[in-house]
């Protein structure tokens, strides 16, 4: 209940304005949302992905992402967020490769 009350107060007092959130870059929006009691980085990232349909979010603390990377790359254990940061580029390479009809060396 405390989380919802704090969120409601911030909408009412104007410290969070929904129409402005959509124009903020991801890190600005995460900072704004995590200023609310009970909202952490993961929650803010899920809001960006599922409510605002942002395609440029890599939730490094997400267990599902870690488990997926572990499975895709046949790793023995879950990776730390720091070790996963380069995966964003690897994912981009795979996406590029899918578009090519024949093997191209980048």
N, C-alpha and C. Protein backbone atom coordinates (compact mmCIF):
# COMPACT_ATOMS: atom_id res chain seq x y z
N UNK A 1 0.83 -1.18 0.00
CA UNK A 1 0.00 0.00 0.00
C UNK A 1 0.88 1.25 0.00
N UNK A 2 1.99 1.18 0.72
CA UNK A 2 2.89 2.33 0.81
C UNK A 2 3.44 2.70 -0.58
N UNK A 3 3.74 1.67 -1.38
CA UNK A 3 4.27 1.90 -2.73
C UNK A 3 3.25 2.68 -3.57
N UNK A 4 2.02 2.20 -3.56
CA UNK A 4 0.97 2.83 -4.36
C UNK A 4 0.68 4.26 -3.90
N UNK A 5 0.69 4.47 -2.60
CA UNK A 5 0.44 5.82 -2.07
C UNK A 5 1.54 6.78 -2.54
N UNK A 6 2.79 6.35 -2.45
CA UNK A 6 3.88 7.23 -2.87
C UNK A 6 3.79 7.52 -4.36
N UNK A 7 3.49 6.53 -5.16
CA UNK A 7 3.33 6.74 -6.59
C UNK A 7 2.19 7.72 -6.88
N UNK A 8 1.07 7.52 -6.21
CA UNK A 8 -0.08 8.41 -6.38
C UNK A 8 0.23 9.85 -5.99
N UNK A 9 0.92 10.03 -4.87
CA UNK A 9 1.30 11.37 -4.42
C UNK A 9 2.17 12.05 -5.47
N UNK A 10 3.09 11.33 -6.05
CA UNK A 10 4.00 11.92 -7.04
C UNK A 10 3.27 12.31 -8.33
N UNK A 11 2.24 11.57 -8.69
CA UNK A 11 1.44 11.97 -9.84
C UNK A 11 0.61 13.20 -9.50
N UNK A 12 0.05 13.21 -8.32
CA UNK A 12 -0.79 14.35 -7.91
C UNK A 12 0.01 15.63 -7.71
N UNK A 13 1.21 15.54 -7.13
CA UNK A 13 1.99 16.76 -6.89
C UNK A 13 2.79 17.20 -8.12
N UNK A 14 2.74 16.41 -9.19
CA UNK A 14 3.39 16.80 -10.44
C UNK A 14 4.87 16.44 -10.54
N UNK A 15 5.43 15.79 -9.52
CA UNK A 15 6.84 15.41 -9.61
C UNK A 15 7.06 14.30 -10.63
N UNK A 16 6.03 13.54 -10.95
CA UNK A 16 6.06 12.59 -12.06
C UNK A 16 4.90 12.95 -12.98
N UNK A 17 5.24 13.22 -14.23
CA UNK A 17 4.22 13.56 -15.23
C UNK A 17 4.29 12.52 -16.34
N UNK A 18 3.23 11.74 -16.45
CA UNK A 18 3.21 10.62 -17.39
C UNK A 18 3.50 11.08 -18.81
N UNK A 19 2.94 12.22 -19.21
CA UNK A 19 3.16 12.67 -20.59
C UNK A 19 4.61 13.06 -20.85
N UNK A 20 5.38 13.36 -19.80
CA UNK A 20 6.80 13.68 -19.97
C UNK A 20 7.67 12.41 -19.95
N UNK A 21 7.21 11.40 -19.24
CA UNK A 21 8.00 10.17 -19.13
C UNK A 21 8.31 9.59 -20.50
N UNK A 22 7.35 9.58 -21.38
CA UNK A 22 7.55 8.94 -22.69
C UNK A 22 8.61 9.63 -23.54
N UNK A 23 8.94 10.86 -23.22
CA UNK A 23 9.97 11.59 -23.98
C UNK A 23 11.35 11.50 -23.34
N UNK A 24 11.44 10.90 -22.17
CA UNK A 24 12.73 10.76 -21.51
C UNK A 24 13.49 9.58 -22.09
N UNK A 25 14.83 9.70 -22.08
CA UNK A 25 15.63 8.54 -22.46
C UNK A 25 15.53 7.52 -21.33
N UNK A 26 15.91 6.30 -21.62
CA UNK A 26 15.71 5.21 -20.66
C UNK A 26 16.29 5.51 -19.28
N UNK A 27 17.54 5.96 -19.21
CA UNK A 27 18.16 6.19 -17.91
C UNK A 27 17.47 7.30 -17.13
N UNK A 28 17.00 8.33 -17.81
CA UNK A 28 16.25 9.39 -17.13
C UNK A 28 14.96 8.85 -16.55
N UNK A 29 14.26 8.04 -17.34
CA UNK A 29 13.01 7.48 -16.87
C UNK A 29 13.24 6.52 -15.71
N UNK A 30 14.28 5.72 -15.78
CA UNK A 30 14.59 4.81 -14.68
C UNK A 30 14.88 5.59 -13.42
N UNK A 31 15.62 6.67 -13.54
CA UNK A 31 15.91 7.52 -12.38
C UNK A 31 14.63 8.11 -11.79
N UNK A 32 13.75 8.57 -12.65
CA UNK A 32 12.47 9.14 -12.19
C UNK A 32 11.64 8.09 -11.46
N UNK A 33 11.49 6.94 -12.06
CA UNK A 33 10.64 5.90 -11.48
C UNK A 33 11.23 5.31 -10.20
N UNK A 34 12.54 5.16 -10.15
CA UNK A 34 13.15 4.57 -8.96
C UNK A 34 13.18 5.54 -7.79
N UNK A 35 12.82 6.77 -8.02
CA UNK A 35 12.70 7.72 -6.91
C UNK A 35 11.44 7.45 -6.10
N UNK A 36 10.53 6.66 -6.65
CA UNK A 36 9.29 6.27 -5.96
C UNK A 36 9.60 5.13 -5.01
N UNK A 37 9.09 5.23 -3.80
CA UNK A 37 9.29 4.20 -2.79
C UNK A 37 8.79 2.86 -3.33
N UNK A 38 9.67 1.84 -3.31
CA UNK A 38 9.28 0.49 -3.71
C UNK A 38 9.49 0.16 -5.17
N UNK A 39 9.87 1.14 -5.99
CA UNK A 39 10.14 0.85 -7.40
C UNK A 39 11.65 0.80 -7.58
N UNK A 40 12.12 -0.36 -8.03
CA UNK A 40 13.54 -0.54 -8.28
C UNK A 40 13.85 -0.53 -9.76
N UNK A 41 15.09 -0.71 -10.08
CA UNK A 41 15.55 -0.67 -11.47
C UNK A 41 14.83 -1.71 -12.33
N UNK A 42 14.70 -2.94 -11.82
CA UNK A 42 14.05 -4.01 -12.60
C UNK A 42 12.61 -3.62 -12.94
N UNK A 43 11.87 -3.10 -11.98
CA UNK A 43 10.48 -2.69 -12.22
C UNK A 43 10.43 -1.60 -13.28
N UNK A 44 11.32 -0.63 -13.18
CA UNK A 44 11.37 0.46 -14.16
C UNK A 44 11.70 -0.09 -15.56
N UNK A 45 12.62 -1.04 -15.64
CA UNK A 45 12.97 -1.63 -16.93
C UNK A 45 11.80 -2.41 -17.51
N UNK A 46 11.06 -3.12 -16.68
CA UNK A 46 9.89 -3.85 -17.17
C UNK A 46 8.82 -2.88 -17.68
N UNK A 47 8.68 -1.73 -17.02
CA UNK A 47 7.77 -0.69 -17.48
C UNK A 47 8.19 -0.20 -18.87
N UNK A 48 9.48 0.02 -19.05
CA UNK A 48 9.99 0.46 -20.35
C UNK A 48 9.70 -0.58 -21.44
N UNK A 49 9.90 -1.84 -21.12
CA UNK A 49 9.71 -2.91 -22.11
C UNK A 49 8.23 -3.15 -22.41
N UNK A 50 7.44 -3.36 -21.37
CA UNK A 50 6.08 -3.84 -21.57
C UNK A 50 5.02 -2.74 -21.66
N UNK A 51 5.25 -1.60 -21.06
CA UNK A 51 4.26 -0.52 -21.13
C UNK A 51 4.58 0.49 -22.22
N UNK A 52 5.85 0.78 -22.42
CA UNK A 52 6.25 1.76 -23.42
C UNK A 52 6.82 1.13 -24.69
N UNK A 53 6.92 -0.20 -24.69
CA UNK A 53 7.40 -0.94 -25.86
C UNK A 53 8.76 -0.46 -26.36
N UNK A 54 9.65 -0.13 -25.43
CA UNK A 54 10.99 0.29 -25.82
C UNK A 54 11.78 -0.95 -26.21
N UNK A 55 12.47 -0.87 -27.32
CA UNK A 55 13.22 -2.01 -27.83
C UNK A 55 14.69 -1.98 -27.44
N UNK A 56 15.11 -0.92 -26.76
CA UNK A 56 16.54 -0.77 -26.44
C UNK A 56 16.83 -0.91 -24.96
N UNK A 57 16.17 -1.88 -24.33
CA UNK A 57 16.35 -2.11 -22.89
C UNK A 57 16.99 -3.48 -22.71
N UNK A 58 18.06 -3.52 -21.95
CA UNK A 58 18.73 -4.78 -21.63
C UNK A 58 18.75 -4.90 -20.11
N UNK A 59 17.75 -5.59 -19.53
CA UNK A 59 17.64 -5.68 -18.07
C UNK A 59 18.65 -6.68 -17.49
N UNK A 60 19.85 -6.20 -17.24
CA UNK A 60 20.96 -7.07 -16.83
C UNK A 60 20.73 -7.79 -15.51
N UNK A 61 19.84 -7.29 -14.68
CA UNK A 61 19.56 -7.95 -13.41
C UNK A 61 18.43 -8.97 -13.49
N UNK A 62 17.87 -9.16 -14.66
CA UNK A 62 16.72 -10.05 -14.83
C UNK A 62 17.14 -11.51 -14.87
N UNK A 63 16.56 -12.32 -14.00
CA UNK A 63 16.90 -13.73 -13.92
C UNK A 63 16.56 -14.48 -15.21
N UNK A 64 15.43 -14.13 -15.85
CA UNK A 64 15.05 -14.78 -17.10
C UNK A 64 16.06 -14.53 -18.20
N UNK A 65 16.57 -13.30 -18.28
CA UNK A 65 17.59 -12.98 -19.27
C UNK A 65 18.86 -13.76 -18.98
N UNK A 66 19.27 -13.79 -17.73
CA UNK A 66 20.49 -14.53 -17.36
C UNK A 66 20.35 -16.01 -17.70
N UNK A 67 19.20 -16.59 -17.37
CA UNK A 67 18.98 -18.01 -17.63
C UNK A 67 18.94 -18.29 -19.13
N UNK A 68 18.34 -17.35 -19.89
CA UNK A 68 18.29 -17.51 -21.34
C UNK A 68 19.66 -17.48 -21.97
N UNK A 69 20.50 -16.53 -21.53
CA UNK A 69 21.86 -16.43 -22.05
C UNK A 69 22.65 -17.68 -21.68
N UNK A 70 22.44 -18.16 -20.45
CA UNK A 70 23.12 -19.39 -20.02
C UNK A 70 22.76 -20.55 -20.94
N UNK A 71 21.49 -20.67 -21.27
CA UNK A 71 21.02 -21.77 -22.11
C UNK A 71 21.50 -21.61 -23.56
N UNK A 72 21.36 -20.40 -24.12
CA UNK A 72 21.76 -20.17 -25.51
C UNK A 72 23.23 -20.46 -25.72
N UNK A 73 24.05 -20.00 -24.78
CA UNK A 73 25.50 -20.15 -24.93
C UNK A 73 26.06 -21.36 -24.20
N UNK A 74 25.17 -22.23 -23.70
CA UNK A 74 25.56 -23.46 -23.03
C UNK A 74 26.59 -23.21 -21.93
N UNK A 75 26.29 -22.25 -21.07
CA UNK A 75 27.19 -21.88 -19.98
C UNK A 75 26.89 -22.74 -18.76
N UNK A 76 27.87 -22.91 -17.92
CA UNK A 76 27.69 -23.75 -16.74
C UNK A 76 26.96 -23.02 -15.61
N UNK A 77 27.02 -21.71 -15.58
CA UNK A 77 26.37 -20.96 -14.51
C UNK A 77 25.81 -19.65 -15.01
N UNK A 78 25.05 -19.00 -14.17
CA UNK A 78 24.49 -17.70 -14.52
C UNK A 78 25.59 -16.65 -14.51
N UNK A 79 25.53 -15.75 -15.44
CA UNK A 79 26.53 -14.71 -15.57
C UNK A 79 26.17 -13.48 -14.74
N UNK A 80 27.18 -12.78 -14.27
CA UNK A 80 26.95 -11.53 -13.56
C UNK A 80 26.57 -10.46 -14.57
N UNK A 81 25.85 -9.42 -14.15
CA UNK A 81 25.49 -8.34 -15.08
C UNK A 81 26.70 -7.76 -15.81
N UNK A 82 27.81 -7.60 -15.14
CA UNK A 82 29.01 -7.05 -15.77
C UNK A 82 29.48 -7.92 -16.93
N UNK A 83 29.41 -9.24 -16.76
CA UNK A 83 29.84 -10.15 -17.82
C UNK A 83 28.83 -10.22 -18.95
N UNK A 84 27.57 -9.82 -18.68
CA UNK A 84 26.53 -9.88 -19.70
C UNK A 84 26.52 -8.64 -20.59
N UNK A 85 27.13 -7.54 -20.17
CA UNK A 85 27.08 -6.32 -20.97
C UNK A 85 27.52 -6.52 -22.42
N UNK A 86 28.58 -7.26 -22.66
CA UNK A 86 28.97 -7.47 -24.07
C UNK A 86 27.94 -8.28 -24.86
N UNK A 87 27.04 -8.98 -24.19
CA UNK A 87 26.05 -9.79 -24.88
C UNK A 87 25.13 -8.94 -25.75
N UNK A 88 24.96 -7.67 -25.40
CA UNK A 88 24.11 -6.80 -26.21
C UNK A 88 24.65 -6.73 -27.63
N UNK A 89 25.94 -6.61 -27.77
CA UNK A 89 26.57 -6.58 -29.09
C UNK A 89 26.45 -7.92 -29.78
N UNK A 90 26.65 -8.99 -29.05
CA UNK A 90 26.53 -10.33 -29.63
C UNK A 90 25.11 -10.54 -30.16
N UNK A 91 24.13 -10.11 -29.41
CA UNK A 91 22.74 -10.23 -29.87
C UNK A 91 22.53 -9.44 -31.15
N UNK A 92 23.15 -8.28 -31.24
CA UNK A 92 23.06 -7.48 -32.46
C UNK A 92 23.69 -8.21 -33.63
N UNK A 93 24.85 -8.82 -33.40
CA UNK A 93 25.49 -9.58 -34.47
C UNK A 93 24.59 -10.70 -34.98
N UNK A 94 23.96 -11.41 -34.06
CA UNK A 94 23.05 -12.49 -34.47
C UNK A 94 21.88 -11.94 -35.28
N UNK A 95 21.34 -10.81 -34.85
CA UNK A 95 20.23 -10.21 -35.58
C UNK A 95 20.67 -9.79 -36.99
N UNK A 96 21.88 -9.25 -37.10
CA UNK A 96 22.39 -8.88 -38.42
C UNK A 96 22.59 -10.11 -39.29
N UNK A 97 23.14 -11.16 -38.68
CA UNK A 97 23.45 -12.38 -39.43
C UNK A 97 22.20 -13.02 -39.99
N UNK A 98 21.12 -12.97 -39.26
CA UNK A 98 19.86 -13.55 -39.71
C UNK A 98 19.39 -12.89 -41.01
N UNK A 99 19.73 -11.64 -41.20
CA UNK A 99 19.30 -10.89 -42.39
C UNK A 99 20.08 -11.25 -43.64
N UNK A 100 21.25 -11.87 -43.49
CA UNK A 100 22.12 -12.18 -44.61
C UNK A 100 21.81 -13.55 -45.18
N UNK A 101 21.69 -13.63 -46.49
CA UNK A 101 21.41 -14.90 -47.15
C UNK A 101 22.64 -15.82 -47.17
N UNK A 102 23.82 -15.23 -47.22
CA UNK A 102 25.04 -16.03 -47.22
C UNK A 102 25.97 -15.52 -46.13
N UNK A 103 26.97 -16.30 -45.82
CA UNK A 103 27.89 -15.95 -44.74
C UNK A 103 28.71 -14.72 -45.13
N UNK A 104 28.69 -13.74 -44.24
CA UNK A 104 29.47 -12.51 -44.43
C UNK A 104 30.32 -12.34 -43.20
N UNK A 105 31.58 -11.97 -43.37
CA UNK A 105 32.47 -11.71 -42.25
C UNK A 105 32.39 -10.24 -41.91
N UNK A 106 32.05 -9.94 -40.66
CA UNK A 106 31.96 -8.54 -40.23
C UNK A 106 33.28 -8.10 -39.68
